[in-house]
Amino acid sequence: MSKKYFIITSVIIIVLLLVVAFVPFKQNPSSTSRVVVDHFNHKYAFPSCYDYEKASNYIDEVTYKDAQDLKYPPMNTCTEEKAKPQYKSLLKRLLESTEI
């Protein structure tokens, strides 16, 4: 009985480890991520994608959700890529969040 219990437990643990390590899960951008909104051009961009050379003087920093509520389109392809959901395994998310 104990050998059977050990095998079942081992198989369950191995399956869980494989799921955590390899199965990708959908990860949407956080609604609280900060974005730069250009109210003059009616567009938004993530700070790393914002083109300050083409900026107007009427900019603001808001959350991603607020920018979506304004119904502004993305400023460039970099912003479009960052706004798309990403597919990452739980292990990869953990490593990125702990910066290992």
N, C-alpha and C. Protein backbone atom coordinates (compact mmCIF):
# COMPACT_ATOMS: atom_id res chain seq x y z
N MET A 1 0.82 -1.19 0.00
CA MET A 1 0.00 0.00 0.00
C MET A 1 0.86 1.25 0.00
N SER A 2 1.96 1.26 0.74
CA SER A 2 2.79 2.45 0.82
C SER A 2 3.55 2.68 -0.49
N LYS A 3 3.92 1.60 -1.19
CA LYS A 3 4.61 1.75 -2.47
C LYS A 3 3.67 2.37 -3.51
N LYS A 4 2.43 1.94 -3.51
CA LYS A 4 1.43 2.49 -4.43
C LYS A 4 1.19 3.97 -4.11
N TYR A 5 1.09 4.30 -2.85
CA TYR A 5 0.89 5.69 -2.42
C TYR A 5 2.07 6.56 -2.84
N PHE A 6 3.28 6.04 -2.71
CA PHE A 6 4.49 6.76 -3.09
C PHE A 6 4.51 7.03 -4.60
N ILE A 7 4.14 6.05 -5.40
CA ILE A 7 4.14 6.21 -6.86
C ILE A 7 3.10 7.25 -7.28
N ILE A 8 1.92 7.18 -6.72
CA ILE A 8 0.86 8.15 -7.07
C ILE A 8 1.28 9.56 -6.68
N THR A 9 1.83 9.70 -5.50
CA THR A 9 2.29 11.01 -5.03
C THR A 9 3.42 11.54 -5.92
N SER A 10 4.33 10.68 -6.30
CA SER A 10 5.45 11.08 -7.16
C SER A 10 4.95 11.54 -8.53
N VAL A 11 4.01 10.81 -9.10
CA VAL A 11 3.46 11.18 -10.41
C VAL A 11 2.75 12.53 -10.33
N ILE A 12 1.98 12.74 -9.29
CA ILE A 12 1.28 14.02 -9.12
C ILE A 12 2.27 15.17 -8.98
N ILE A 13 3.31 14.98 -8.21
CA ILE A 13 4.32 16.03 -8.03
C ILE A 13 5.04 16.32 -9.35
N ILE A 14 5.38 15.29 -10.09
CA ILE A 14 6.06 15.48 -11.38
C ILE A 14 5.16 16.23 -12.36
N VAL A 15 3.90 15.87 -12.42
CA VAL A 15 2.96 16.55 -13.32
C VAL A 15 2.82 18.02 -12.92
N LEU A 16 2.71 18.30 -11.64
CA LEU A 16 2.60 19.69 -11.18
C LEU A 16 3.86 20.49 -11.52
N LEU A 17 5.02 19.89 -11.35
CA LEU A 17 6.27 20.57 -11.69
C LEU A 17 6.36 20.86 -13.19
N LEU A 18 5.91 19.93 -14.01
CA LEU A 18 5.91 20.15 -15.45
C LEU A 18 4.96 21.28 -15.85
N VAL A 19 3.80 21.32 -15.21
CA VAL A 19 2.84 22.39 -15.49
C VAL A 19 3.43 23.74 -15.10
N VAL A 20 4.02 23.82 -13.93
CA VAL A 20 4.61 25.08 -13.47
C VAL A 20 5.76 25.51 -14.36
N ALA A 21 6.55 24.57 -14.84
CA ALA A 21 7.75 24.91 -15.60
C ALA A 21 7.48 25.20 -17.07
N PHE A 22 6.49 24.55 -17.68
CA PHE A 22 6.39 24.62 -19.14
C PHE A 22 5.07 25.13 -19.70
N VAL A 23 3.97 25.01 -19.01
CA VAL A 23 2.69 25.41 -19.58
C VAL A 23 2.55 26.93 -19.51
N PRO A 24 2.39 27.59 -20.68
CA PRO A 24 2.26 29.05 -20.67
C PRO A 24 0.85 29.48 -20.29
N PHE A 25 0.77 30.54 -19.50
CA PHE A 25 -0.50 31.12 -19.11
C PHE A 25 -0.55 32.55 -19.63
N LYS A 26 -1.74 33.01 -19.94
CA LYS A 26 -1.93 34.35 -20.48
C LYS A 26 -1.72 35.39 -19.39
N GLN A 27 -0.93 36.41 -19.70
CA GLN A 27 -0.67 37.49 -18.75
C GLN A 27 -0.93 38.82 -19.45
N ASN A 28 -2.02 39.48 -19.07
CA ASN A 28 -2.35 40.79 -19.63
C ASN A 28 -1.55 41.87 -18.93
N PRO A 29 -1.33 43.00 -19.60
CA PRO A 29 -0.66 44.11 -18.92
C PRO A 29 -1.49 44.56 -17.72
N SER A 30 -0.83 44.95 -16.67
CA SER A 30 -1.53 45.38 -15.47
C SER A 30 -2.31 46.66 -15.75
N SER A 31 -3.52 46.74 -15.22
CA SER A 31 -4.33 47.95 -15.42
C SER A 31 -3.75 49.14 -14.67
N THR A 32 -2.83 48.88 -13.74
CA THR A 32 -2.22 49.97 -12.99
C THR A 32 -0.86 50.38 -13.55
N SER A 33 -0.46 49.80 -14.68
CA SER A 33 0.79 50.21 -15.32
C SER A 33 0.68 51.67 -15.74
N ARG A 34 1.78 52.38 -15.60
CA ARG A 34 1.79 53.80 -15.95
C ARG A 34 2.03 53.97 -17.45
N VAL A 35 1.27 54.87 -18.07
CA VAL A 35 1.46 55.21 -19.47
C VAL A 35 1.46 56.72 -19.62
N VAL A 36 2.06 57.18 -20.70
CA VAL A 36 2.08 58.61 -21.01
C VAL A 36 0.96 58.87 -22.01
N VAL A 37 0.11 59.84 -21.70
CA VAL A 37 -1.01 60.18 -22.58
C VAL A 37 -0.73 61.55 -23.19
N ASP A 38 -0.81 61.61 -24.51
CA ASP A 38 -0.67 62.88 -25.23
C ASP A 38 -2.07 63.35 -25.59
N HIS A 39 -2.59 64.31 -24.84
CA HIS A 39 -3.96 64.77 -25.05
C HIS A 39 -4.10 65.58 -26.34
N PHE A 40 -3.02 66.18 -26.82
CA PHE A 40 -3.09 66.96 -28.06
C PHE A 40 -3.25 66.04 -29.26
N ASN A 41 -2.47 64.96 -29.30
CA ASN A 41 -2.54 64.00 -30.42
C ASN A 41 -3.52 62.87 -30.16
N HIS A 42 -4.08 62.80 -28.96
CA HIS A 42 -5.04 61.76 -28.56
C HIS A 42 -4.46 60.36 -28.71
N LYS A 43 -3.27 60.15 -28.15
CA LYS A 43 -2.62 58.85 -28.19
C LYS A 43 -1.94 58.57 -26.85
N TYR A 44 -1.63 57.29 -26.62
CA TYR A 44 -0.92 56.92 -25.39
C TYR A 44 0.26 56.03 -25.75
N ALA A 45 1.23 55.98 -24.83
CA ALA A 45 2.41 55.13 -25.02
C ALA A 45 2.97 54.75 -23.66
N PHE A 46 3.59 53.59 -23.60
CA PHE A 46 4.32 53.21 -22.40
C PHE A 46 5.58 54.07 -22.32
N PRO A 47 6.04 54.42 -21.14
CA PRO A 47 7.19 55.34 -21.02
C PRO A 47 8.42 54.89 -21.82
N SER A 48 8.69 53.60 -21.87
CA SER A 48 9.86 53.14 -22.62
C SER A 48 9.66 53.26 -24.13
N CYS A 49 8.42 53.43 -24.58
CA CYS A 49 8.12 53.52 -26.01
C CYS A 49 7.81 54.95 -26.46
N TYR A 50 7.71 55.86 -25.52
CA TYR A 50 7.27 57.22 -25.85
C TYR A 50 8.35 57.97 -26.61
N ASP A 51 7.97 58.60 -27.71
CA ASP A 51 8.90 59.38 -28.54
C ASP A 51 8.83 60.84 -28.09
N TYR A 52 9.77 61.24 -27.26
CA TYR A 52 9.75 62.59 -26.70
C TYR A 52 10.05 63.67 -27.74
N GLU A 53 10.63 63.30 -28.87
CA GLU A 53 10.91 64.28 -29.92
C GLU A 53 9.64 64.71 -30.63
N LYS A 54 8.63 63.85 -30.66
CA LYS A 54 7.36 64.17 -31.31
C LYS A 54 6.30 64.58 -30.30
N ALA A 55 6.70 64.86 -29.09
CA ALA A 55 5.75 65.13 -28.01
C ALA A 55 5.17 66.53 -28.12
N SER A 56 3.93 66.64 -27.71
CA SER A 56 3.32 67.96 -27.56
C SER A 56 3.53 68.39 -26.11
N ASN A 57 3.07 69.55 -25.77
CA ASN A 57 3.19 70.04 -24.40
C ASN A 57 2.03 69.58 -23.52
N TYR A 58 1.08 68.91 -24.11
CA TYR A 58 -0.13 68.54 -23.38
C TYR A 58 -0.10 67.03 -23.08
N ILE A 59 0.86 66.62 -22.23
CA ILE A 59 0.99 65.20 -21.88
C ILE A 59 0.66 65.01 -20.41
N ASP A 60 0.36 63.78 -20.08
CA ASP A 60 -0.02 63.43 -18.72
C ASP A 60 0.40 61.98 -18.47
N GLU A 61 0.58 61.63 -17.22
CA GLU A 61 0.89 60.25 -16.87
C GLU A 61 -0.31 59.68 -16.13
N VAL A 62 -0.88 58.60 -16.68
CA VAL A 62 -2.07 57.98 -16.10
C VAL A 62 -1.85 56.46 -16.09
N THR A 63 -2.83 55.74 -15.55
CA THR A 63 -2.75 54.28 -15.57
C THR A 63 -3.19 53.77 -16.95
N TYR A 64 -2.82 52.54 -17.24
CA TYR A 64 -3.18 51.92 -18.51
C TYR A 64 -4.70 51.85 -18.66
N LYS A 65 -5.40 51.57 -17.57
CA LYS A 65 -6.86 51.50 -17.60
C LYS A 65 -7.46 52.85 -17.95
N ASP A 66 -6.92 53.92 -17.36
CA ASP A 66 -7.43 55.26 -17.67
C ASP A 66 -7.21 55.62 -19.13
N ALA A 67 -6.08 55.22 -19.69
CA ALA A 67 -5.81 55.48 -21.11
C ALA A 67 -6.80 54.72 -21.99
N GLN A 68 -7.14 53.50 -21.59
CA GLN A 68 -8.12 52.74 -22.35
C GLN A 68 -9.50 53.38 -22.24
N ASP A 69 -9.84 53.90 -21.05
CA ASP A 69 -11.13 54.56 -20.86
C ASP A 69 -11.25 55.81 -21.73
N LEU A 70 -10.13 56.47 -21.99
CA LEU A 70 -10.14 57.64 -22.87
C LEU A 70 -10.30 57.25 -24.34
N LYS A 71 -10.15 55.95 -24.62
CA LYS A 71 -10.26 55.39 -25.98
C LYS A 71 -9.22 55.99 -26.93
N TYR A 72 -8.04 56.28 -26.39
CA TYR A 72 -6.94 56.75 -27.22
C TYR A 72 -6.25 55.54 -27.85
N PRO A 73 -5.84 55.64 -29.11
CA PRO A 73 -5.09 54.55 -29.73
C PRO A 73 -3.63 54.56 -29.29
N PRO A 74 -2.93 53.45 -29.45
CA PRO A 74 -1.50 53.43 -29.11
C PRO A 74 -0.71 54.35 -30.04
N MET A 75 0.35 54.91 -29.52
CA MET A 75 1.14 55.88 -30.28
C MET A 75 2.01 55.22 -31.35
N ASN A 76 2.51 54.00 -31.07
CA ASN A 76 3.43 53.36 -32.00
C ASN A 76 3.36 51.83 -31.85
N THR A 77 4.12 51.14 -32.68
CA THR A 77 4.09 49.67 -32.64
C THR A 77 4.70 49.11 -31.36
N CYS A 78 5.65 49.82 -30.79
CA CYS A 78 6.24 49.38 -29.52
C CYS A 78 5.16 49.30 -28.44
N THR A 79 4.31 50.32 -28.38
CA THR A 79 3.22 50.34 -27.40
C THR A 79 2.21 49.24 -27.70
N GLU A 80 1.92 49.01 -28.97
CA GLU A 80 0.99 47.94 -29.34
C GLU A 80 1.51 46.58 -28.87
N GLU A 81 2.81 46.35 -29.02
CA GLU A 81 3.40 45.08 -28.59
C GLU A 81 3.35 44.93 -27.07
N LYS A 82 3.62 46.01 -26.34
CA LYS A 82 3.59 45.92 -24.87
C LYS A 82 2.17 45.76 -24.34
N ALA A 83 1.17 46.22 -25.11
CA ALA A 83 -0.22 46.13 -24.68
C ALA A 83 -0.82 44.76 -24.95
N LYS A 84 -0.17 43.96 -25.80
CA LYS A 84 -0.68 42.62 -26.10
C LYS A 84 -0.43 41.69 -24.91
N PRO A 85 -1.33 40.73 -24.71
CA PRO A 85 -1.09 39.75 -23.65
C PRO A 85 0.14 38.91 -23.96
N GLN A 86 0.86 38.56 -22.93
CA GLN A 86 2.03 37.71 -23.07
C GLN A 86 1.73 36.34 -22.47
N TYR A 87 2.35 35.33 -23.03
CA TYR A 87 2.15 33.97 -22.54
C TYR A 87 3.45 33.49 -21.90
N LYS A 88 3.39 33.28 -20.59
CA LYS A 88 4.57 32.87 -19.83
C LYS A 88 4.20 31.76 -18.87
N SER A 89 5.16 30.89 -18.62
CA SER A 89 4.95 29.84 -17.62
C SER A 89 5.03 30.45 -16.23
N LEU A 90 4.48 29.75 -15.27
CA LEU A 90 4.51 30.25 -13.89
C LEU A 90 5.94 30.36 -13.38
N LEU A 91 6.80 29.44 -13.79
CA LEU A 91 8.20 29.49 -13.38
C LEU A 91 8.89 30.74 -13.93
N LYS A 92 8.64 31.05 -15.19
CA LYS A 92 9.24 32.24 -15.80
C LYS A 92 8.74 33.52 -15.12
N ARG A 93 7.44 33.56 -14.81
CA ARG A 93 6.89 34.72 -14.09
C ARG A 93 7.56 34.89 -12.73
N LEU A 94 7.74 33.77 -12.03
CA LEU A 94 8.37 33.81 -10.71
C LEU A 94 9.80 34.31 -10.81
N LEU A 95 10.55 33.81 -11.78
CA LEU A 95 11.93 34.24 -11.95
C LEU A 95 12.02 35.72 -12.32
N GLU A 96 11.11 36.20 -13.16
CA GLU A 96 11.12 37.62 -13.54
C GLU A 96 10.73 38.51 -12.37
N SER A 97 9.78 38.06 -11.57
CA SER A 97 9.33 38.90 -10.46
C SER A 97 10.37 38.98 -9.35
N THR A 98 11.18 37.94 -9.21
CA THR A 98 12.24 37.97 -8.19
C THR A 98 13.56 38.47 -8.75
N GLU A 99 13.59 38.73 -10.06
CA GLU A 99 14.77 39.25 -10.76
C GLU A 99 16.00 38.37 -10.58
N ILE A 100 15.79 37.08 -10.68
CA ILE A 100 16.90 36.12 -10.57
C ILE A 100 17.50 35.91 -11.95
